[in-house]
Amino acid sequence: MTHSKSGLLAMIAACTVWGLSPIYYKLLAHVPPLELLAHRTLWSLVVFAGLLMVQGRISALGQALKDKRALPVLAFSALMITANWFLFIFSIQAGQVTQTSLGYYMFPLVSVLLGVIVMKERLAALQWIAVALATLGVVQLTWGLGAAPWISLILAGTFGLYGLVKRNLKIGPVVSVTGEVALLALPAAGYLLWVHGNGAGHFGTDALTAGMLIFSGVLTALPLVLFSSAAQKLSMSTVGLLQYVNPTLQFFCAVVLFGEALTIWHTIAFALIWTALALYSGSGFAQERARRKSAMTSAADSPL
């Protein structure tokens, strides 16, 4: 199997796991969101730390947690990812998977805006049009429903900020995520002890629930490992385009499997945001093609 083909399969597999994960968490709807989040955090730590031990890189985790420059970044990113995970779980149990799908469609465009505002990045004309269309989609949805799609906006915002603060973090993805869940492990464990101390915990009530709570750690770790592998083998534009598999599958789960209502306002919002993503992706492909052409021209002109 070629390098690029294995990367493509890994990326598709990661996005498929993410996209279909609402089905898994729907089966755990009898476990309160905060309790489920605590289990997901602790079992993720077990999986990630075990992976680092197998790779002989567990010492890198200790170094990351002792790094005075990296620690504040890890602490902030831990807060963003735990807020994102909690809202995702809550939305599934509340029958709002349509909003989670919309949020992850919005995420790339929110990242673009954060890049412009914080990193002072410049956008091409098509990219500005894409941002404007996405904004129009949110505005008309807010007007039509009488309330802003807060779940979508917060999911996109927390994930966007999560990616932004980690851009310049000189730590590998597995080490950084392990560091994040390690920082969250103590409050997660404390909460579970309190819940079980009050006789309300669900772990141990039946084998299926216990097994699914444990496997939530694998479900969290596996797609990240696949994604990290794919990102090293594929172009950024390909990675960006394939990430839309995730919210598309979530949308399928919401409308087809869970039977969530899809109003005309949702339909218009999705149409505008899908158009925005098409323009944004097309602009990205054009920019990458231009960079490659420029690099090839420079290489051909080089005397070496």
Protein backbone atom coordinates (compact mmCIF):
# COMPACT_ATOMS: atom_id res chain seq x y z
CA MET A 1 0.00 0.00 0.00
CA THR A 2 1.36 3.43 -0.94
CA HIS A 3 2.15 6.12 1.64
CA SER A 4 -0.67 8.41 0.47
CA LYS A 5 -3.22 5.59 0.20
CA SER A 6 -2.60 4.45 3.78
CA GLY A 7 -2.93 8.07 4.91
CA LEU A 8 -6.21 8.43 3.02
CA LEU A 9 -7.64 5.27 4.60
CA ALA A 10 -6.51 6.37 8.08
CA MET A 11 -8.15 9.78 7.63
CA ILE A 12 -11.43 8.30 6.39
CA ALA A 13 -11.42 5.82 9.29
CA ALA A 14 -10.82 8.59 11.86
CA CYS A 15 -13.61 10.79 10.49
CA THR A 16 -15.96 7.81 10.26
CA VAL A 17 -15.41 6.97 13.95
CA TRP A 18 -15.99 10.60 14.92
CA GLY A 19 -19.04 10.90 12.67
CA LEU A 20 -20.76 7.75 13.92
CA SER A 21 -19.84 8.21 17.60
CA PRO A 22 -23.28 9.75 18.38
CA ILE A 23 -24.70 6.24 17.98
CA TYR A 24 -22.36 4.97 20.69
CA TYR A 25 -23.06 7.80 23.14
CA LYS A 26 -26.79 7.52 22.46
CA LEU A 27 -26.59 3.98 23.84
CA LEU A 28 -25.16 5.48 27.04
CA ALA A 29 -28.00 8.01 27.42
CA HIS A 30 -28.84 6.54 30.84
CA VAL A 31 -25.48 7.82 32.16
CA PRO A 32 -25.55 11.57 33.02
CA PRO A 33 -23.33 13.68 30.72
CA LEU A 34 -20.90 14.80 33.43
CA GLU A 35 -20.40 11.24 34.70
CA LEU A 36 -19.89 10.00 31.14
CA LEU A 37 -17.40 12.81 30.51
CA ALA A 38 -15.43 11.87 33.64
CA HIS A 39 -15.20 8.24 32.51
CA ARG A 40 -14.20 9.28 28.99
CA THR A 41 -11.43 11.44 30.47
CA LEU A 42 -10.02 8.77 32.79
CA TRP A 43 -10.13 5.89 30.31
CA SER A 44 -8.64 8.12 27.62
CA LEU A 45 -5.73 8.77 29.96
CA VAL A 46 -5.25 5.02 30.42
CA VAL A 47 -5.21 4.45 26.65
CA PHE A 48 -2.98 7.41 25.79
CA ALA A 49 -0.52 6.77 28.61
CA GLY A 50 -0.41 3.08 27.66
CA LEU A 51 0.35 4.04 24.07
CA LEU A 52 3.20 6.30 25.17
CA MET A 53 4.60 3.53 27.36
CA VAL A 54 4.54 1.07 24.44
CA GLN A 55 6.33 3.67 22.31
CA GLY A 56 8.86 4.31 25.07
CA ARG A 57 7.87 7.98 25.22
CA ILE A 58 6.19 8.21 28.62
CA SER A 59 9.01 10.47 29.84
CA ALA A 60 7.89 13.05 27.25
CA LEU A 61 4.64 13.42 29.18
CA GLY A 62 6.49 14.31 32.38
CA GLN A 63 8.64 16.81 30.49
CA ALA A 64 5.56 18.44 28.95
CA LEU A 65 3.84 18.82 32.33
CA LYS A 66 7.01 20.38 33.80
CA ASP A 67 7.50 22.79 30.92
CA LYS A 68 6.53 26.24 32.21
CA ARG A 69 5.76 27.46 28.69
CA ALA A 70 3.76 24.42 27.61
CA LEU A 71 1.78 23.90 30.85
CA PRO A 72 -0.47 27.01 30.57
CA VAL A 73 -1.24 26.09 26.96
CA LEU A 74 -2.08 22.52 27.96
CA ALA A 75 -4.28 23.78 30.80
CA PHE A 76 -6.24 26.09 28.51
CA SER A 77 -6.56 23.48 25.75
CA ALA A 78 -7.72 20.95 28.38
CA LEU A 79 -10.53 23.32 29.39
CA MET A 80 -11.53 23.82 25.75
CA ILE A 81 -11.56 20.13 24.86
CA THR A 82 -13.42 19.08 28.01
CA ALA A 83 -16.06 21.77 27.36
CA ASN A 84 -16.32 20.51 23.77
CA TRP A 85 -16.62 16.87 24.86
CA PHE A 86 -19.23 17.69 27.51
CA LEU A 87 -21.41 19.72 25.15
CA PHE A 88 -21.12 17.01 22.48
CA ILE A 89 -22.31 14.34 24.93
CA PHE A 90 -25.04 16.60 26.32
CA SER A 91 -26.29 17.43 22.81
CA ILE A 92 -26.62 13.77 21.88
CA GLN A 93 -28.61 12.99 25.01
CA ALA A 94 -30.76 16.09 24.49
CA GLY A 95 -31.59 15.14 20.89
CA GLN A 96 -29.58 17.99 19.37
CA VAL A 97 -27.18 16.08 17.08
CA THR A 98 -28.26 18.34 14.20
CA GLN A 99 -26.65 21.21 16.09
CA THR A 100 -23.44 19.25 16.69
CA SER A 101 -23.24 18.53 12.98
CA LEU A 102 -23.73 22.21 12.19
CA GLY A 103 -21.07 23.13 14.75
CA TYR A 104 -18.42 20.90 13.19
CA TYR A 105 -19.31 22.22 9.72
CA MET A 106 -18.79 25.72 11.09
CA PHE A 107 -15.49 24.88 12.80
CA PRO A 108 -13.16 25.39 9.77
CA LEU A 109 -14.66 28.81 9.12
CA VAL A 110 -14.44 29.78 12.80
CA SER A 111 -10.78 28.77 12.68
CA VAL A 112 -10.33 31.06 9.68
CA LEU A 113 -11.86 33.98 11.60
CA LEU A 114 -9.66 33.27 14.62
CA GLY A 115 -6.64 33.23 12.33
CA VAL A 116 -7.60 36.65 10.95
CA ILE A 117 -8.38 38.19 14.36
CA VAL A 118 -5.59 36.66 16.45
CA MET A 119 -2.85 35.72 13.97
CA LYS A 120 -3.51 38.64 11.59
CA GLU A 121 -3.75 36.23 8.64
CA ARG A 122 -5.00 37.48 5.29
CA LEU A 123 -7.85 35.89 3.37
CA ALA A 124 -8.45 35.58 -0.35
CA ALA A 125 -11.64 37.07 -1.78
CA LEU A 126 -13.38 33.66 -2.03
CA GLN A 127 -12.52 32.94 1.59
CA TRP A 128 -14.14 36.21 2.71
CA ILE A 129 -17.24 35.30 0.73
CA ALA A 130 -17.26 31.88 2.44
CA VAL A 131 -17.10 33.51 5.89
CA ALA A 132 -19.89 35.92 4.91
CA LEU A 133 -22.14 33.07 3.72
CA ALA A 134 -21.57 31.09 6.91
CA THR A 135 -22.36 34.18 8.99
CA LEU A 136 -25.54 34.71 6.97
CA GLY A 137 -26.49 31.08 7.64
CA VAL A 138 -26.17 31.55 11.41
CA VAL A 139 -28.02 34.89 11.36
CA GLN A 140 -31.01 33.54 9.41
CA LEU A 141 -31.14 30.43 11.62
CA THR A 142 -31.16 32.64 14.72
CA TRP A 143 -33.93 34.81 13.25
CA GLY A 144 -35.99 31.83 12.07
CA LEU A 145 -35.80 29.84 15.31
CA GLY A 146 -35.91 32.86 17.59
CA ALA A 147 -32.66 31.85 19.30
CA ALA A 148 -29.02 31.52 18.31
CA PRO A 149 -27.70 27.98 17.67
CA TRP A 150 -25.62 28.18 20.85
CA ILE A 151 -24.60 24.52 20.85
CA SER A 152 -23.19 24.82 17.32
CA LEU A 153 -21.44 28.11 18.06
CA ILE A 154 -19.87 26.91 21.31
CA LEU A 155 -18.74 23.59 19.77
CA ALA A 156 -17.13 25.41 16.85
CA GLY A 157 -15.66 28.10 19.12
CA THR A 158 -14.13 25.78 21.72
CA PHE A 159 -12.65 23.51 19.05
CA GLY A 160 -11.37 26.52 17.14
CA LEU A 161 -9.67 27.96 20.24
CA TYR A 162 -8.32 24.49 21.04
CA GLY A 163 -6.61 24.33 17.66
CA LEU A 164 -5.42 27.93 17.83
CA VAL A 165 -3.54 27.66 21.13
CA LYS A 166 -1.89 24.41 20.06
CA ARG A 167 -0.56 25.74 16.75
CA ASN A 168 2.84 26.67 18.14
CA LEU A 169 3.01 23.99 20.84
CA LYS A 170 6.23 22.05 20.27
CA ILE A 171 4.80 18.77 21.53
CA GLY A 172 3.48 15.85 19.49
CA PRO A 173 -0.31 15.37 19.32
CA VAL A 174 -0.42 12.18 21.41
CA VAL A 175 1.79 13.67 24.15
CA SER A 176 -0.20 16.92 24.24
CA VAL A 177 -3.60 15.20 24.45
CA THR A 178 -2.26 12.85 27.13
CA GLY A 179 -1.10 15.91 29.05
CA GLU A 180 -4.54 17.48 28.73
CA VAL A 181 -6.44 14.47 30.02
CA ALA A 182 -3.83 14.02 32.76
CA LEU A 183 -4.63 17.55 34.00
CA LEU A 184 -8.34 16.70 33.93
CA ALA A 185 -7.95 13.27 35.54
CA LEU A 186 -7.90 14.41 39.19
CA PRO A 187 -11.18 16.39 39.07
CA ALA A 188 -12.74 13.60 36.97
CA ALA A 189 -11.72 10.96 39.52
CA GLY A 190 -12.90 13.16 42.39
CA TYR A 191 -16.29 13.64 40.77
CA LEU A 192 -16.73 9.91 40.18
CA LEU A 193 -15.79 9.13 43.79
CA TRP A 194 -18.40 11.64 44.94
CA VAL A 195 -21.07 10.22 42.59
CA HIS A 196 -20.42 6.63 43.65
CA GLY A 197 -20.20 7.68 47.30
CA ASN A 198 -23.77 8.92 46.98
CA GLY A 199 -24.86 5.66 45.37
CA ALA A 200 -25.64 7.26 42.00
CA GLY A 201 -22.77 5.94 39.90
CA HIS A 202 -23.46 3.74 36.88
CA PHE A 203 -20.11 1.97 36.63
CA GLY A 204 -20.55 -1.57 37.92
CA THR A 205 -24.35 -1.59 37.72
CA ASP A 206 -24.15 -3.92 34.72
CA ALA A 207 -21.34 -5.37 32.62
CA LEU A 208 -22.45 -3.75 29.35
CA THR A 209 -22.48 -0.23 30.74
CA ALA A 210 -19.11 -0.73 32.46
CA GLY A 211 -17.59 -2.11 29.27
CA MET A 212 -18.94 0.76 27.16
CA LEU A 213 -17.65 3.36 29.61
CA ILE A 214 -14.20 1.77 29.48
CA PHE A 215 -14.28 1.55 25.68
CA SER A 216 -15.08 5.28 25.47
CA GLY A 217 -11.37 5.78 26.12
CA VAL A 218 -10.50 3.74 23.03
CA LEU A 219 -13.19 5.55 21.04
CA THR A 220 -11.51 8.83 21.97
CA ALA A 221 -7.92 7.72 21.36
CA LEU A 222 -8.24 5.65 18.19
CA PRO A 223 -9.41 8.38 15.78
CA LEU A 224 -6.81 10.82 17.09
CA VAL A 225 -4.00 8.33 16.44
CA LEU A 226 -5.39 7.66 12.95
CA PHE A 227 -5.75 11.38 12.30
CA SER A 228 -2.18 12.07 13.44
CA SER A 229 -0.89 9.36 11.12
CA ALA A 230 -2.94 10.66 8.18
CA ALA A 231 -1.87 14.29 8.70
CA GLN A 232 1.77 13.27 8.19
CA LYS A 233 1.02 11.58 4.85
CA LEU A 234 -1.57 13.84 3.19
CA SER A 235 -1.66 17.44 1.99
CA MET A 236 -3.39 19.97 4.24
CA SER A 237 -6.14 20.56 1.67
CA THR A 238 -6.92 16.83 1.51
CA VAL A 239 -7.00 16.61 5.31
CA GLY A 240 -9.29 19.64 5.48
CA LEU A 241 -11.67 18.31 2.85
CA LEU A 242 -11.94 14.83 4.38
CA GLN A 243 -12.77 16.30 7.79
CA TYR A 244 -16.23 17.12 6.42
CA VAL A 245 -16.96 13.37 6.52
CA ASN A 246 -17.38 13.76 10.30
CA PRO A 247 -20.23 16.32 10.41
CA THR A 248 -21.85 14.72 7.34
CA LEU A 249 -22.16 11.41 9.19
CA GLN A 250 -23.38 13.25 12.30
CA PHE A 251 -26.03 14.92 10.14
CA PHE A 252 -27.04 11.47 8.83
CA CYS A 253 -27.31 10.15 12.40
CA ALA A 254 -29.42 13.13 13.49
CA VAL A 255 -31.93 13.16 10.65
CA VAL A 256 -32.07 9.54 9.47
CA LEU A 257 -31.29 7.44 12.56
CA PHE A 258 -32.52 9.66 15.40
CA GLY A 259 -35.39 11.33 13.53
CA GLU A 260 -34.55 14.86 14.68
CA ALA A 261 -36.64 17.67 13.20
CA LEU A 262 -35.11 19.53 10.27
CA THR A 263 -36.83 22.89 9.79
CA ILE A 264 -36.66 25.08 6.70
CA TRP A 265 -34.35 27.37 8.67
CA HIS A 266 -31.93 24.47 9.31
CA THR A 267 -32.08 23.55 5.63
CA ILE A 268 -31.21 27.10 4.53
CA ALA A 269 -28.41 27.33 7.12
CA PHE A 270 -26.86 24.04 6.04
CA ALA A 271 -27.12 25.03 2.36
CA LEU A 272 -25.34 28.34 3.01
CA ILE A 273 -22.63 26.74 5.13
CA TRP A 274 -22.09 23.88 2.65
CA THR A 275 -21.70 26.48 -0.10
CA ALA A 276 -19.28 28.42 2.09
CA LEU A 277 -17.21 25.30 2.72
CA ALA A 278 -17.14 24.50 -1.01
CA LEU A 279 -15.83 28.00 -1.78
CA TYR A 280 -13.33 27.86 1.08
CA SER A 281 -12.05 24.42 0.05
CA GLY A 282 -11.83 25.45 -3.60
CA SER A 283 -9.81 28.51 -2.66
CA GLY A 284 -7.54 26.35 -0.52
CA PHE A 285 -6.93 23.91 -3.36
CA ALA A 286 -6.13 26.80 -5.73
CA GLN A 287 -3.65 28.31 -3.26
CA GLU A 288 -1.93 24.98 -2.70
CA ARG A 289 -1.71 24.35 -6.46
CA ALA A 290 -0.15 27.80 -6.90
CA ARG A 291 2.39 27.12 -4.12
CA ARG A 292 3.35 23.78 -5.67
CA LYS A 293 3.73 25.36 -9.10
CA SER A 294 5.87 28.13 -7.63
CA ALA A 295 8.03 25.59 -5.78
CA MET A 296 8.50 23.50 -8.92
CA THR A 297 9.45 26.59 -10.91
CA SER A 298 11.96 27.64 -8.25
CA ALA A 299 13.47 24.15 -8.18
CA ALA A 300 13.76 24.09 -11.98
CA ASP A 301 15.47 27.50 -12.00
CA SER A 302 17.92 26.54 -9.24
CA PRO A 303 21.52 26.04 -10.47
CA LEU A 304 21.86 23.14 -8.00
